[in-house]
Amino acid sequence: MRAVARRLATIVPTLIGVVIVTFLLTRVLPGDPAAYFAGPTADQASIDQIRAALGLDQPLPVQFAAYVKDLATGNLGNALSTGQPVLTELAARLPASAELTLTALLISMSIAIPLGILAAVKEGSFIDHVCRVVTTAGVSLPVFFTGLLFVYVFYYLLGWAPAPVGRLDVYFTEPERITGFFTIDSLLAGDLETFRAAASQLFLPAATLALFSLAPIARMTRASMLSVLSSEFIRTARAAGLRSRTVILAYAFRNAMLPVVTTLGMVFSFLLGANVLVEKVFAWPGVGSFAVEALIQSDYAPVQGFVLAMALLYVALNLVIDLVYGLIDPRVRLEA
């Protein structure tokens, strides 16, 4: 518990730094939100009136003090583009981004980890060459290009995938929100038609992100397994007559998991950034597309709220990884 408390103590300066940097960056970006929302035909007096109403006519220290005061009360401001509180918008859109990101991570893990293990066990074989080709393709292809390519091939040419119009086709209604994940909520409601529609809409964007995240996971799994398989205790286990499956999964893979878990944490943080582009390609109504639209409109509050939410998720993820380390290897807890 002391290690967890020390870890939590490091979160405070991190979040303070994120708040300061985000506030300053939004203020130096080109564009004037007052002029944008006043419209192209507005005169200077109208623009000045909107700027005063938004508090943008105040000095930066005064604006920052007001922003910190609002944060202390849980107020992230209002999104000028929708008129709703930023916290409400993020809470409504975060499940969509989380469903997409977690599904992509599960797909990539289910492919990359077995592929990395097989490539290490059969080094130099055909499966090892396949692993290298797949990881190279995943690293080389930009995520937005992969998304557009998937839409062109599977929707436009083959007609296997539905139109990229968001989480559900226009002919279906949203299931009752329980978790915010349409696939899970439709199953809980017993609505298989909506589940199939939600899963079909989810597959292409999740596959796009999965290809992006597959490469580092497979590479790290292969490298870590190769290192462990050459260890003395593995040779001893083989000499003792243990089955190859037991040696590989129970002994080798467990000892190779720490670098893989670290990579999973890094990949998840990468996906939080990459899903911004994927959400725009597939019209996915997540927090990423919300932040991009706000950035285009010079709407400060949603951008600041998005960055702060991603920082909190990233910090929480690192804390979870530290706890998982202790479960995998008790020596980590002793050293902490």
Protein backbone atom coordinates (compact mmCIF):
# COMPACT_ATOMS: atom_id res chain seq x y z
CA MET A 1 0.00 0.00 0.00
CA ARG A 2 2.90 2.36 0.68
CA ALA A 3 4.14 1.84 -2.87
CA VAL A 4 0.68 2.67 -4.21
CA ALA A 5 0.52 5.77 -2.01
CA ARG A 6 3.93 6.93 -3.29
CA ARG A 7 2.76 6.33 -6.83
CA LEU A 8 -0.40 8.34 -6.24
CA ALA A 9 1.67 11.18 -4.77
CA THR A 10 3.54 11.50 -8.07
CA ILE A 11 0.25 12.02 -9.92
CA VAL A 12 -0.32 15.49 -8.45
CA PRO A 13 2.69 17.28 -10.05
CA THR A 14 2.01 15.45 -13.30
CA LEU A 15 -1.57 16.70 -13.47
CA ILE A 16 -0.48 20.22 -12.47
CA GLY A 17 1.98 20.23 -15.36
CA VAL A 18 -0.71 18.96 -17.77
CA VAL A 19 -3.14 21.69 -16.68
CA ILE A 20 -0.55 24.47 -17.12
CA VAL A 21 0.79 23.26 -20.47
CA THR A 22 -2.68 22.62 -21.91
CA PHE A 23 -3.94 26.04 -20.84
CA LEU A 24 -0.96 27.83 -22.39
CA LEU A 25 -1.04 25.82 -25.63
CA THR A 26 -4.71 26.52 -26.26
CA ARG A 27 -4.05 30.23 -25.82
CA VAL A 28 -1.18 30.39 -28.32
CA LEU A 29 -2.97 28.39 -31.02
CA PRO A 30 -4.13 30.44 -34.03
CA GLY A 31 -7.78 31.39 -34.17
CA ASP A 32 -10.17 33.45 -32.10
CA PRO A 33 -13.16 31.61 -30.62
CA ALA A 34 -15.04 34.87 -30.19
CA ALA A 35 -14.65 35.72 -33.90
CA TYR A 36 -15.55 32.16 -34.91
CA PHE A 37 -18.79 32.04 -32.96
CA ALA A 38 -19.74 35.62 -33.78
CA GLY A 39 -19.84 34.65 -37.45
CA PRO A 40 -18.19 36.09 -40.57
CA THR A 41 -20.59 39.04 -40.79
CA ALA A 42 -20.18 40.19 -37.17
CA ASP A 43 -18.67 43.60 -36.48
CA GLN A 44 -15.82 44.23 -34.03
CA ALA A 45 -18.18 45.38 -31.28
CA SER A 46 -20.05 42.06 -31.35
CA ILE A 47 -16.78 40.13 -31.29
CA ASP A 48 -15.53 42.17 -28.34
CA GLN A 49 -18.81 41.55 -26.51
CA ILE A 50 -18.49 37.76 -26.96
CA ARG A 51 -14.83 37.87 -25.93
CA ALA A 52 -15.76 39.70 -22.74
CA ALA A 53 -18.57 37.23 -22.02
CA LEU A 54 -16.09 34.36 -22.37
CA GLY A 55 -13.53 36.09 -20.18
CA LEU A 56 -10.96 36.14 -23.00
CA ASP A 57 -10.37 39.88 -22.60
CA GLN A 58 -8.74 39.28 -19.20
CA PRO A 59 -4.96 38.85 -18.72
CA LEU A 60 -3.68 35.26 -18.91
CA PRO A 61 -3.00 34.96 -15.15
CA VAL A 62 -6.60 35.97 -14.42
CA GLN A 63 -7.92 33.49 -16.99
CA PHE A 64 -5.73 30.73 -15.54
CA ALA A 65 -6.86 31.46 -11.97
CA ALA A 66 -10.50 31.25 -13.07
CA TYR A 67 -9.79 27.98 -14.92
CA VAL A 68 -8.12 26.41 -11.86
CA LYS A 69 -10.98 27.57 -9.64
CA ASP A 70 -13.48 25.88 -11.97
CA LEU A 71 -11.39 22.69 -12.02
CA ALA A 72 -11.36 22.59 -8.23
CA THR A 73 -15.18 22.50 -8.27
CA GLY A 74 -15.32 19.87 -11.03
CA ASN A 75 -16.34 22.37 -13.70
CA LEU A 76 -14.53 21.86 -17.02
CA GLY A 77 -16.44 24.66 -18.70
CA ASN A 78 -19.02 24.59 -21.47
CA ALA A 79 -18.51 23.49 -25.07
CA LEU A 80 -19.44 26.49 -27.19
CA SER A 81 -20.18 24.28 -30.20
CA THR A 82 -22.87 22.24 -28.38
CA GLY A 83 -23.81 24.48 -25.45
CA GLN A 84 -23.39 21.53 -23.07
CA PRO A 85 -20.96 21.18 -20.14
CA VAL A 86 -17.68 19.61 -21.23
CA LEU A 87 -17.91 17.02 -18.46
CA THR A 88 -21.32 15.92 -19.77
CA GLU A 89 -20.01 15.65 -23.33
CA LEU A 90 -16.95 13.65 -22.26
CA ALA A 91 -19.02 11.30 -20.11
CA ALA A 92 -21.40 10.67 -23.02
CA ARG A 93 -18.63 10.11 -25.59
CA LEU A 94 -15.98 8.31 -23.53
CA PRO A 95 -17.73 4.89 -23.66
CA ALA A 96 -17.60 4.99 -27.47
CA SER A 97 -13.85 5.65 -27.45
CA ALA A 98 -13.28 3.08 -24.70
CA GLU A 99 -15.24 0.40 -26.57
CA LEU A 100 -13.25 1.04 -29.73
CA THR A 101 -9.85 1.15 -28.00
CA LEU A 102 -10.39 -1.88 -25.78
CA THR A 103 -11.77 -3.97 -28.64
CA ALA A 104 -8.76 -3.07 -30.77
CA LEU A 105 -6.41 -3.98 -27.93
CA LEU A 106 -8.13 -7.34 -27.38
CA ILE A 107 -7.94 -8.14 -31.11
CA SER A 108 -4.26 -7.22 -31.33
CA MET A 109 -3.40 -9.18 -28.14
CA SER A 110 -5.24 -12.29 -29.36
CA ILE A 111 -3.15 -12.23 -32.54
CA ALA A 112 0.17 -10.66 -31.51
CA ILE A 113 0.94 -12.68 -28.35
CA PRO A 114 0.42 -16.16 -29.90
CA LEU A 115 2.22 -14.97 -33.04
CA GLY A 116 5.17 -13.69 -31.02
CA ILE A 117 5.36 -16.92 -28.99
CA LEU A 118 5.28 -19.11 -32.10
CA ALA A 119 7.87 -16.92 -33.85
CA ALA A 120 10.22 -17.30 -30.88
CA VAL A 121 9.70 -21.04 -30.50
CA LYS A 122 10.14 -21.63 -34.24
CA GLU A 123 12.86 -19.05 -34.89
CA GLY A 124 13.77 -18.75 -38.55
CA SER A 125 10.68 -20.67 -39.71
CA PHE A 126 7.84 -19.56 -41.95
CA ILE A 127 5.79 -18.33 -38.99
CA ASP A 128 8.76 -16.22 -37.87
CA HIS A 129 8.93 -14.56 -41.29
CA VAL A 130 5.16 -13.96 -41.20
CA CYS A 131 5.57 -12.27 -37.81
CA ARG A 132 8.24 -9.96 -39.24
CA VAL A 133 6.11 -9.07 -42.27
CA VAL A 134 3.03 -8.33 -40.14
CA THR A 135 4.96 -6.21 -37.64
CA THR A 136 6.67 -4.27 -40.43
CA ALA A 137 3.32 -3.58 -42.11
CA GLY A 138 1.78 -2.46 -38.82
CA VAL A 139 4.62 0.00 -38.17
CA SER A 140 4.86 1.30 -41.74
CA LEU A 141 1.19 2.00 -42.54
CA PRO A 142 -0.27 5.22 -41.08
CA VAL A 143 -3.42 4.48 -39.13
CA PHE A 144 -5.61 6.88 -41.15
CA PHE A 145 -4.38 5.30 -44.42
CA THR A 146 -5.21 1.82 -43.12
CA GLY A 147 -8.68 2.98 -42.15
CA LEU A 148 -9.38 4.52 -45.55
CA LEU A 149 -8.00 1.40 -47.25
CA PHE A 150 -10.26 -0.87 -45.19
CA VAL A 151 -13.29 1.30 -46.02
CA TYR A 152 -12.45 1.24 -49.73
CA VAL A 153 -11.89 -2.51 -49.89
CA PHE A 154 -14.43 -3.96 -47.46
CA TYR A 155 -17.24 -1.41 -47.86
CA TYR A 156 -16.90 0.07 -51.35
CA LEU A 157 -15.45 -2.86 -53.36
CA LEU A 158 -16.62 -5.98 -51.56
CA GLY A 159 -19.67 -4.69 -49.70
CA TRP A 160 -18.88 -6.84 -46.67
CA ALA A 161 -18.83 -4.02 -44.13
CA PRO A 162 -21.54 -1.44 -43.38
CA ALA A 163 -21.13 2.22 -44.21
CA PRO A 164 -18.78 4.06 -41.83
CA VAL A 165 -21.47 6.20 -40.24
CA GLY A 166 -20.74 5.74 -36.55
CA ARG A 167 -21.66 3.21 -33.89
CA LEU A 168 -25.01 2.13 -35.39
CA ASP A 169 -26.73 2.21 -38.73
CA VAL A 170 -29.61 4.67 -39.10
CA TYR A 171 -32.12 1.81 -39.06
CA PHE A 172 -31.24 0.84 -35.48
CA THR A 173 -31.80 2.64 -32.19
CA GLU A 174 -29.34 2.79 -29.34
CA PRO A 175 -29.80 0.16 -26.62
CA GLU A 176 -30.56 1.29 -23.10
CA ARG A 177 -27.31 2.62 -21.66
CA ILE A 178 -25.93 0.47 -18.88
CA THR A 179 -22.20 0.33 -19.59
CA GLY A 180 -22.17 2.66 -22.59
CA PHE A 181 -20.73 -0.14 -24.75
CA PHE A 182 -23.35 -0.82 -27.41
CA THR A 183 -22.26 -4.44 -27.92
CA ILE A 184 -22.51 -5.24 -24.21
CA ASP A 185 -25.69 -3.23 -23.60
CA SER A 186 -27.50 -4.88 -26.52
CA LEU A 187 -26.53 -8.32 -25.22
CA LEU A 188 -27.75 -7.41 -21.73
CA ALA A 189 -31.04 -6.31 -23.29
CA GLY A 190 -31.24 -9.55 -25.30
CA ASP A 191 -31.33 -7.61 -28.59
CA LEU A 192 -29.23 -9.75 -30.94
CA GLU A 193 -30.09 -7.67 -34.03
CA THR A 194 -28.70 -4.51 -32.45
CA PHE A 195 -25.68 -6.48 -31.20
CA ARG A 196 -24.87 -7.69 -34.71
CA ALA A 197 -25.32 -4.17 -36.09
CA ALA A 198 -23.09 -2.64 -33.38
CA ALA A 199 -20.43 -5.36 -33.78
CA SER A 200 -20.35 -4.94 -37.57
CA GLN A 201 -19.89 -1.17 -37.21
CA LEU A 202 -17.18 -1.71 -34.60
CA PHE A 203 -15.12 -4.28 -36.47
CA LEU A 204 -13.42 -2.16 -39.16
CA PRO A 205 -12.29 0.74 -36.92
CA ALA A 206 -11.17 -1.76 -34.26
CA ALA A 207 -9.26 -3.77 -36.87
CA THR A 208 -7.58 -0.57 -38.06
CA LEU A 209 -6.35 0.24 -34.55
CA ALA A 210 -5.47 -3.43 -33.92
CA LEU A 211 -3.13 -3.53 -36.92
CA PHE A 212 -1.45 -0.39 -35.62
CA SER A 213 -0.94 -1.87 -32.13
CA LEU A 214 -0.16 -5.43 -33.21
CA ALA A 215 3.42 -4.72 -34.29
CA PRO A 216 4.99 -3.60 -30.99
CA ILE A 217 3.21 -6.31 -28.98
CA ALA A 218 4.31 -9.12 -31.32
CA ARG A 219 7.87 -7.79 -31.50
CA MET A 220 8.25 -7.50 -27.74
CA THR A 221 6.66 -10.93 -27.15
CA ARG A 222 9.05 -12.53 -29.63
CA ALA A 223 12.15 -10.77 -28.25
CA SER A 224 11.25 -11.48 -24.62
CA MET A 225 10.46 -15.14 -25.33
CA LEU A 226 13.75 -15.61 -27.21
CA SER A 227 15.63 -14.21 -24.23
CA VAL A 228 13.84 -16.47 -21.74
CA LEU A 229 14.02 -19.62 -23.91
CA SER A 230 17.81 -19.39 -23.90
CA SER A 231 17.93 -19.34 -20.07
CA GLU A 232 19.40 -22.09 -17.92
CA PHE A 233 16.17 -22.92 -16.11
CA ILE A 234 14.38 -23.55 -19.42
CA ARG A 235 17.09 -25.98 -20.51
CA THR A 236 16.80 -27.65 -17.09
CA ALA A 237 13.03 -27.95 -17.46
CA ARG A 238 13.42 -29.52 -20.89
CA ALA A 239 16.07 -31.93 -19.57
CA ALA A 240 13.72 -32.93 -16.75
CA GLY A 241 11.30 -34.25 -19.36
CA LEU A 242 8.55 -31.66 -18.97
CA ARG A 243 6.17 -31.30 -21.88
CA SER A 244 7.06 -28.60 -24.39
CA ARG A 245 3.69 -26.88 -23.89
CA THR A 246 4.29 -26.69 -20.13
CA VAL A 247 7.80 -25.34 -20.56
CA ILE A 248 6.71 -22.66 -23.03
CA LEU A 249 3.52 -21.43 -21.35
CA ALA A 250 4.02 -22.14 -17.64
CA TYR A 251 7.72 -21.31 -17.38
CA ALA A 252 8.94 -19.29 -20.37
CA PHE A 253 5.94 -17.06 -21.05
CA ARG A 254 5.33 -16.20 -17.41
CA ASN A 255 8.91 -14.97 -17.09
CA ALA A 256 8.60 -13.09 -20.37
CA MET A 257 5.39 -11.28 -19.38
CA LEU A 258 6.86 -8.21 -17.64
CA PRO A 259 8.21 -6.55 -20.83
CA VAL A 260 5.01 -7.54 -22.64
CA VAL A 261 2.84 -5.91 -19.95
CA THR A 262 4.97 -2.75 -20.21
CA THR A 263 4.44 -2.75 -23.97
CA LEU A 264 0.69 -3.22 -23.54
CA GLY A 265 0.57 -0.12 -21.36
CA MET A 266 2.51 1.89 -23.93
CA VAL A 267 0.35 0.59 -26.78
CA PHE A 268 -2.83 1.52 -24.92
CA SER A 269 -1.57 5.06 -24.49
CA PHE A 270 -0.67 5.18 -28.20
CA LEU A 271 -4.17 3.99 -29.07
CA LEU A 272 -5.72 6.81 -27.05
CA GLY A 273 -3.99 9.19 -29.47
CA ALA A 274 -4.41 7.15 -32.65
CA ASN A 275 -8.15 6.69 -32.17
CA VAL A 276 -8.59 10.43 -32.85
CA LEU A 277 -7.79 9.82 -36.53
CA VAL A 278 -9.74 6.57 -36.70
CA GLU A 279 -12.81 8.21 -35.19
CA LYS A 280 -12.74 10.89 -37.88
CA VAL A 281 -12.36 8.31 -40.68
CA PHE A 282 -15.27 6.17 -39.44
CA ALA A 283 -17.45 9.03 -38.07
CA TRP A 284 -17.14 7.46 -34.62
CA PRO A 285 -18.72 9.76 -31.98
CA GLY A 286 -15.95 9.48 -29.39
CA VAL A 287 -13.97 11.97 -27.37
CA GLY A 288 -11.27 12.14 -30.04
CA SER A 289 -13.54 13.43 -32.78
CA PHE A 290 -15.15 15.78 -30.24
CA ALA A 291 -11.73 17.25 -29.40
CA VAL A 292 -10.76 17.64 -33.07
CA GLU A 293 -13.98 19.46 -33.88
CA ALA A 294 -13.46 21.74 -30.87
CA LEU A 295 -9.87 22.42 -31.92
CA ILE A 296 -10.99 23.42 -35.43
CA GLN A 297 -13.50 25.83 -33.89
CA SER A 298 -10.92 27.24 -31.40
CA ASP A 299 -13.16 26.03 -28.58
CA TYR A 300 -10.75 25.91 -25.64
CA ALA A 301 -12.77 24.14 -22.94
CA PRO A 302 -13.36 20.80 -24.75
CA VAL A 303 -9.70 20.58 -25.82
CA GLN A 304 -8.50 21.22 -22.27
CA GLY A 305 -11.02 18.73 -20.89
CA PHE A 306 -9.98 16.08 -23.43
CA VAL A 307 -6.27 16.42 -22.64
CA LEU A 308 -6.93 16.33 -18.90
CA ALA A 309 -9.13 13.22 -19.26
CA MET A 310 -6.46 11.45 -21.35
CA ALA A 311 -3.81 12.37 -18.78
CA LEU A 312 -5.92 10.90 -15.98
CA LEU A 313 -6.46 7.71 -17.97
CA TYR A 314 -2.76 7.44 -18.73
CA VAL A 315 -1.78 7.91 -15.08
CA ALA A 316 -4.39 5.38 -13.94
CA LEU A 317 -3.10 2.92 -16.53
CA ASN A 318 0.46 3.24 -15.25
CA LEU A 319 -0.77 2.59 -11.72
CA VAL A 320 -2.61 -0.55 -12.89
CA ILE A 321 0.54 -1.75 -14.67
CA ASP A 322 2.55 -1.34 -11.46
CA LEU A 323 -0.03 -3.43 -9.59
CA VAL A 324 0.00 -6.10 -12.30
CA TYR A 325 3.81 -6.24 -12.03
CA GLY A 326 3.44 -7.21 -8.39
CA LEU A 327 0.99 -9.99 -9.26
CA ILE A 328 3.23 -11.41 -11.98
CA ASP A 329 6.51 -11.15 -10.08
CA PRO A 330 6.35 -10.79 -6.26
CA ARG A 331 9.94 -9.58 -6.28
CA VAL A 332 8.73 -6.32 -7.74
CA ARG A 333 6.58 -5.74 -4.64
CA LEU A 334 9.53 -6.51 -2.35
CA GLU A 335 11.78 -4.07 -4.19
CA ALA A 336 9.08 -1.39 -4.00
